[in-house]
Each structure stands twice: as structure tokens, then as C-alpha cells.
Amino acid sequence: MPVTHKNRMDQVYYLHAGTTKTGKPRYWFSMKADGELAVAIPEGHEIHEKPVGGPGH
């Protein structure tokens, strides 16, 4: 089962897994479910939604 996150606006995001050019692991969220999806949150990481608002936003 892939890792998903539903934000405060009820949009579903999927955690993708990949590697950089140097072979290091890379993770990102996308609303698209295609590609290589992560099945677990990487150790030492957590999901955090940064609220948008305040001056300048």
C-alpha cells in the first residue's frame, strides 16, 4: 500500500521514491499516482504540511 497524505483541503498526495544522479535516495509528494511509489515513510522523516498564509501570501 503506497504512502498517501490528505491535506487540509482534502487533496490526496502520493509519496514517490527515486534516486539522485549520485545514487542517493530521493523522496517527494505528488498528486499523481504514477511512477515508483514508496510503501513506507523513510526512517528519520515525517509528513508535515506547512500552512500557507500570513504577510506576503
PDB file of N, CA and C in Angstrom:
ATOM      1  N   MET A   1       0.844  -1.179   0.000  1.00  0.00           N
ATOM      2  CA  MET A   1       0.000   0.000   0.000  1.00  0.00           C
ATOM      3  C   MET A   1       0.888   1.242   0.000  1.00  0.00           C
ATOM      4  N   PRO A   2       0.715   2.122  -0.975  1.00  0.00           N
ATOM      5  CA  PRO A   2       1.558   3.310  -1.034  1.00  0.00           C
ATOM      6  C   PRO A   2       1.238   4.306   0.084  1.00  0.00           C
ATOM      7  N   VAL A   3       2.217   5.129   0.427  1.00  0.00           N
ATOM      8  CA  VAL A   3       2.035   6.165   1.439  1.00  0.00           C
ATOM      9  C   VAL A   3       1.284   7.322   0.791  1.00  0.00           C
ATOM     10  N   THR A   4       0.193   7.740   1.429  1.00  0.00           N
ATOM     11  CA  THR A   4      -0.573   8.876   0.949  1.00  0.00           C
ATOM     12  C   THR A   4      -0.755   9.886   2.076  1.00  0.00           C
ATOM     13  N   HIS A   5      -1.055  11.101   1.696  1.00  0.00           N
ATOM     14  CA  HIS A   5      -1.344  12.153   2.669  1.00  0.00           C
ATOM     15  C   HIS A   5      -2.488  12.986   2.122  1.00  0.00           C
ATOM     16  N   LYS A   6      -3.510  13.173   2.931  1.00  0.00           N
ATOM     17  CA  LYS A   6      -4.632  14.027   2.542  1.00  0.00           C
ATOM     18  C   LYS A   6      -4.442  15.365   3.259  1.00  0.00           C
ATOM     19  N   ASN A   7      -4.304  16.431   2.477  1.00  0.00           N
ATOM     20  CA  ASN A   7      -4.052  17.730   3.088  1.00  0.00           C
ATOM     21  C   ASN A   7      -5.332  18.331   3.634  1.00  0.00           C
ATOM     22  N   ARG A   8      -5.225  19.525   4.188  1.00  0.00           N
ATOM     23  CA  ARG A   8      -6.376  20.160   4.829  1.00  0.00           C
ATOM     24  C   ARG A   8      -7.452  20.560   3.836  1.00  0.00           C
ATOM     25  N   MET A   9      -7.159  20.500   2.538  1.00  0.00           N
ATOM     26  CA  MET A   9      -8.142  20.809   1.502  1.00  0.00           C
ATOM     27  C   MET A   9      -8.683  19.521   0.866  1.00  0.00           C
ATOM     28  N   ASP A  10      -8.439  18.382   1.524  1.00  0.00           N
ATOM     29  CA  ASP A  10      -8.896  17.054   1.085  1.00  0.00           C
ATOM     30  C   ASP A  10      -8.300  16.617  -0.252  1.00  0.00           C
ATOM     31  N   GLN A  11      -7.107  17.101  -0.576  1.00  0.00           N
ATOM     32  CA  GLN A  11      -6.394  16.647  -1.768  1.00  0.00           C
ATOM     33  C   GLN A  11      -5.452  15.519  -1.347  1.00  0.00           C
ATOM     34  N   VAL A  12      -5.400  14.454  -2.146  1.00  0.00           N
ATOM     35  CA  VAL A  12      -4.565  13.295  -1.815  1.00  0.00           C
ATOM     36  C   VAL A  12      -3.229  13.410  -2.547  1.00  0.00           C
ATOM     37  N   TYR A  13      -2.145  13.240  -1.796  1.00  0.00           N
ATOM     38  CA  TYR A  13      -0.792  13.250  -2.343  1.00  0.00           C
ATOM     39  C   TYR A  13      -0.152  11.885  -2.122  1.00  0.00           C
ATOM     40  N   TYR A  14       0.669  11.443  -3.068  1.00  0.00           N
ATOM     41  CA  TYR A  14       1.339  10.147  -3.016  1.00  0.00           C
ATOM     42  C   TYR A  14       2.830  10.363  -2.839  1.00  0.00           C
ATOM     43  N   LEU A  15       3.444   9.569  -1.955  1.00  0.00           N
ATOM     44  CA  LEU A  15       4.883   9.663  -1.723  1.00  0.00           C
ATOM     45  C   LEU A  15       5.614   8.838  -2.772  1.00  0.00           C
ATOM     46  N   HIS A  16       6.475   9.489  -3.522  1.00  0.00           N
ATOM     47  CA  HIS A  16       7.269   8.833  -4.561  1.00  0.00           C
ATOM     48  C   HIS A  16       8.688   8.613  -4.054  1.00  0.00           C
ATOM     49  N   ALA A  17       9.332   7.578  -4.570  1.00  0.00           N
ATOM     50  CA  ALA A  17      10.716   7.256  -4.207  1.00  0.00           C
ATOM     51  C   ALA A  17      11.548   7.177  -5.473  1.00  0.00           C
ATOM     52  N   GLY A  18      12.755   7.650  -5.391  1.00  0.00           N
ATOM     53  CA  GLY A  18      13.668   7.598  -6.524  1.00  0.00           C
ATOM     54  C   GLY A  18      15.091   7.786  -6.041  1.00  0.00           C
ATOM     55  N   THR A  19      15.994   8.020  -6.963  1.00  0.00           N
ATOM     56  CA  THR A  19      17.388   8.268  -6.611  1.00  0.00           C
ATOM     57  C   THR A  19      17.899   9.488  -7.364  1.00  0.00           C
ATOM     58  N   THR A  20      18.889  10.135  -6.784  1.00  0.00           N
ATOM     59  CA  THR A  20      19.527  11.266  -7.441  1.00  0.00           C
ATOM     60  C   THR A  20      20.543  10.745  -8.449  1.00  0.00           C
ATOM     61  N   LYS A  21      21.185  11.642  -9.180  1.00  0.00           N
ATOM     62  CA  LYS A  21      22.211  11.241 -10.146  1.00  0.00           C
ATOM     63  C   LYS A  21      23.382  10.546  -9.476  1.00  0.00           C
ATOM     64  N   THR A  22      23.620  10.872  -8.204  1.00  0.00           N
ATOM     65  CA  THR A  22      24.730  10.250  -7.479  1.00  0.00           C
ATOM     66  C   THR A  22      24.322   8.976  -6.749  1.00  0.00           C
ATOM     67  N   GLY A  23      23.046   8.577  -6.889  1.00  0.00           N
ATOM     68  CA  GLY A  23      22.589   7.325  -6.289  1.00  0.00           C
ATOM     69  C   GLY A  23      21.989   7.452  -4.902  1.00  0.00           C
ATOM     70  N   LYS A  24      21.856   8.678  -4.391  1.00  0.00           N
ATOM     71  CA  LYS A  24      21.263   8.868  -3.070  1.00  0.00           C
ATOM     72  C   LYS A  24      19.738   8.794  -3.181  1.00  0.00           C
ATOM     73  N   PRO A  25      19.056   8.321  -2.127  1.00  0.00           N
ATOM     74  CA  PRO A  25      17.596   8.241  -2.179  1.00  0.00           C
ATOM     75  C   PRO A  25      16.966   9.624  -2.214  1.00  0.00           C
ATOM     76  N   ARG A  26      15.854   9.722  -2.918  1.00  0.00           N
ATOM     77  CA  ARG A  26      15.126  10.979  -3.059  1.00  0.00           C
ATOM     78  C   ARG A  26      13.644  10.678  -2.900  1.00  0.00           C
ATOM     79  N   TYR A  27      12.933  11.518  -2.145  1.00  0.00           N
ATOM     80  CA  TYR A  27      11.507  11.326  -1.896  1.00  0.00           C
ATOM     81  C   TYR A  27      10.772  12.630  -2.155  1.00  0.00           C
ATOM     82  N   TRP A  28       9.554  12.532  -2.703  1.00  0.00           N
ATOM     83  CA  TRP A  28       8.738  13.711  -2.946  1.00  0.00           C
ATOM     84  C   TRP A  28       7.277  13.311  -3.022  1.00  0.00           C
ATOM     85  N   PHE A  29       6.400  14.290  -2.788  1.00  0.00           N
ATOM     86  CA  PHE A  29       4.965  14.065  -2.879  1.00  0.00           C
ATOM     87  C   PHE A  29       4.436  14.635  -4.182  1.00  0.00           C
ATOM     88  N   SER A  30       3.458  13.943  -4.754  1.00  0.00           N
ATOM     89  CA  SER A  30       2.808  14.377  -5.977  1.00  0.00           C
ATOM     90  C   SER A  30       1.347  13.949  -5.927  1.00  0.00           C
ATOM     91  N   MET A  31       0.503  14.685  -6.641  1.00  0.00           N
ATOM     92  CA  MET A  31      -0.903  14.302  -6.713  1.00  0.00           C
ATOM     93  C   MET A  31      -1.120  13.175  -7.715  1.00  0.00           C
ATOM     94  N   LYS A  32      -0.107  12.866  -8.515  1.00  0.00           N
ATOM     95  CA  LYS A  32      -0.196  11.785  -9.496  1.00  0.00           C
ATOM     96  C   LYS A  32       0.286  10.481  -8.865  1.00  0.00           C
ATOM     97  N   ALA A  33      -0.428   9.394  -9.141  1.00  0.00           N
ATOM     98  CA  ALA A  33      -0.095   8.098  -8.552  1.00  0.00           C
ATOM     99  C   ALA A  33       0.764   7.242  -9.478  1.00  0.00           C
ATOM    100  N   ASP A  34       1.288   7.822 -10.553  1.00  0.00           N
ATOM    101  CA  ASP A  34       2.110   7.029 -11.470  1.00  0.00           C
ATOM    102  C   ASP A  34       3.578   7.082 -11.051  1.00  0.00           C
ATOM    103  N   GLY A  35       4.345   6.102 -11.464  1.00  0.00           N
ATOM    104  CA  GLY A  35       5.759   6.028 -11.107  1.00  0.00           C
ATOM    105  C   GLY A  35       5.982   5.134  -9.911  1.00  0.00           C
ATOM    106  N   GLU A  36       7.184   5.202  -9.363  1.00  0.00           N
ATOM    107  CA  GLU A  36       7.564   4.365  -8.219  1.00  0.00           C
ATOM    108  C   GLU A  36       7.079   5.006  -6.923  1.00  0.00           C
ATOM    109  N   LEU A  37       6.127   4.355  -6.266  1.00  0.00           N
ATOM    110  CA  LEU A  37       5.565   4.872  -5.024  1.00  0.00           C
ATOM    111  C   LEU A  37       6.223   4.207  -3.824  1.00  0.00           C
ATOM    112  N   ALA A  38       6.449   4.994  -2.780  1.00  0.00           N
ATOM    113  CA  ALA A  38       7.034   4.471  -1.546  1.00  0.00           C
ATOM    114  C   ALA A  38       5.944   3.759  -0.755  1.00  0.00           C
ATOM    115  N   VAL A  39       6.298   2.648  -0.114  1.00  0.00           N
ATOM    116  CA  VAL A  39       5.339   1.884   0.690  1.00  0.00           C
ATOM    117  C   VAL A  39       5.492   2.170   2.178  1.00  0.00           C
ATOM    118  N   ALA A  40       6.483   2.984   2.556  1.00  0.00           N
ATOM    119  CA  ALA A  40       6.692   3.359   3.947  1.00  0.00           C
ATOM    120  C   ALA A  40       7.389   4.720   3.995  1.00  0.00           C
ATOM    121  N   ILE A  41       7.134   5.452   5.072  1.00  0.00           N
ATOM    122  CA  ILE A  41       7.824   6.722   5.263  1.00  0.00           C
ATOM    123  C   ILE A  41       9.267   6.394   5.639  1.00  0.00           C
ATOM    124  N   PRO A  42      10.259   6.999   4.972  1.00  0.00           N
ATOM    125  CA  PRO A  42      11.656   6.697   5.269  1.00  0.00           C
ATOM    126  C   PRO A  42      11.994   7.000   6.730  1.00  0.00           C
ATOM    127  N   GLU A  43      12.851   6.184   7.303  1.00  0.00           N
ATOM    128  CA  GLU A  43      13.273   6.370   8.690  1.00  0.00           C
ATOM    129  C   GLU A  43      13.895   7.749   8.863  1.00  0.00           C
ATOM    130  N   GLY A  44      13.496   8.419   9.926  1.00  0.00           N
ATOM    131  CA  GLY A  44      14.019   9.751  10.203  1.00  0.00           C
ATOM    132  C   GLY A  44      13.253  10.871   9.532  1.00  0.00           C
ATOM    133  N   HIS A  45      12.178  10.529   8.793  1.00  0.00           N
ATOM    134  CA  HIS A  45      11.369  11.538   8.116  1.00  0.00           C
ATOM    135  C   HIS A  45       9.953  11.527   8.679  1.00  0.00           C
ATOM    136  N   GLU A  46       9.243  12.629   8.501  1.00  0.00           N
ATOM    137  CA  GLU A  46       7.847  12.713   8.903  1.00  0.00           C
ATOM    138  C   GLU A  46       7.108  13.583   7.897  1.00  0.00           C
ATOM    139  N   ILE A  47       5.801  13.416   7.830  1.00  0.00           N
ATOM    140  CA  ILE A  47       4.969  14.223   6.945  1.00  0.00           C
ATOM    141  C   ILE A  47       4.561  15.473   7.703  1.00  0.00           C
ATOM    142  N   HIS A  48       4.795  16.621   7.075  1.00  0.00           N
ATOM    143  CA  HIS A  48       4.453  17.895   7.699  1.00  0.00           C
ATOM    144  C   HIS A  48       3.891  18.819   6.639  1.00  0.00           C
ATOM    145  N   GLU A  49       2.698  19.307   6.869  1.00  0.00           N
ATOM    146  CA  GLU A  49       2.078  20.256   5.942  1.00  0.00           C
ATOM    147  C   GLU A  49       2.349  21.663   6.448  1.00  0.00           C
ATOM    148  N   LYS A  50       3.052  22.440   5.654  1.00  0.00           N
ATOM    149  CA  LYS A  50       3.374  23.812   6.033  1.00  0.00           C
ATOM    150  C   LYS A  50       2.216  24.704   5.614  1.00  0.00           C
ATOM    151  N   PRO A  51       1.538  25.323   6.575  1.00  0.00           N
ATOM    152  CA  PRO A  51       0.406  26.165   6.226  1.00  0.00           C
ATOM    153  C   PRO A  51       0.856  27.408   5.460  1.00  0.00           C
ATOM    154  N   VAL A  52       0.055  27.795   4.493  1.00  0.00           N
ATOM    155  CA  VAL A  52       0.341  28.998   3.707  1.00  0.00           C
ATOM    156  C   VAL A  52      -0.521  30.117   4.254  1.00  0.00           C
ATOM    157  N   GLY A  53       0.058  31.240   4.430  1.00  0.00           N
ATOM    158  CA  GLY A  53      -0.696  32.379   4.929  1.00  0.00           C
ATOM    159  C   GLY A  53       0.235  33.397   5.527  1.00  0.00           C
ATOM    160  N   GLY A  54      -0.337  34.424   6.038  1.00  0.00           N
ATOM    161  CA  GLY A  54       0.462  35.472   6.650  1.00  0.00           C
ATOM    162  C   GLY A  54       0.883  36.508   5.621  1.00  0.00           C
ATOM    163  N   PRO A  55       1.718  37.434   6.045  1.00  0.00           N
ATOM    164  CA  PRO A  55       2.154  38.515   5.161  1.00  0.00           C
ATOM    165  C   PRO A  55       2.857  37.981   3.905  1.00  0.00           C
ATOM    166  N   GLY A  56       2.478  38.508   2.770  1.00  0.00           N
ATOM    167  CA  GLY A  56       3.134  38.145   1.522  1.00  0.00           C
ATOM    168  C   GLY A  56       2.548  36.931   0.836  1.00  0.00           C
ATOM    169  N   HIS A  57       1.542  36.292   1.415  1.00  0.00           N
ATOM    170  CA  HIS A  57       0.951  35.099   0.786  1.00  0.00           C
ATOM    171  C   HIS A  57      -0.482  35.305   0.457  1.00  0.00           C
TER     172      HIS A  57
END
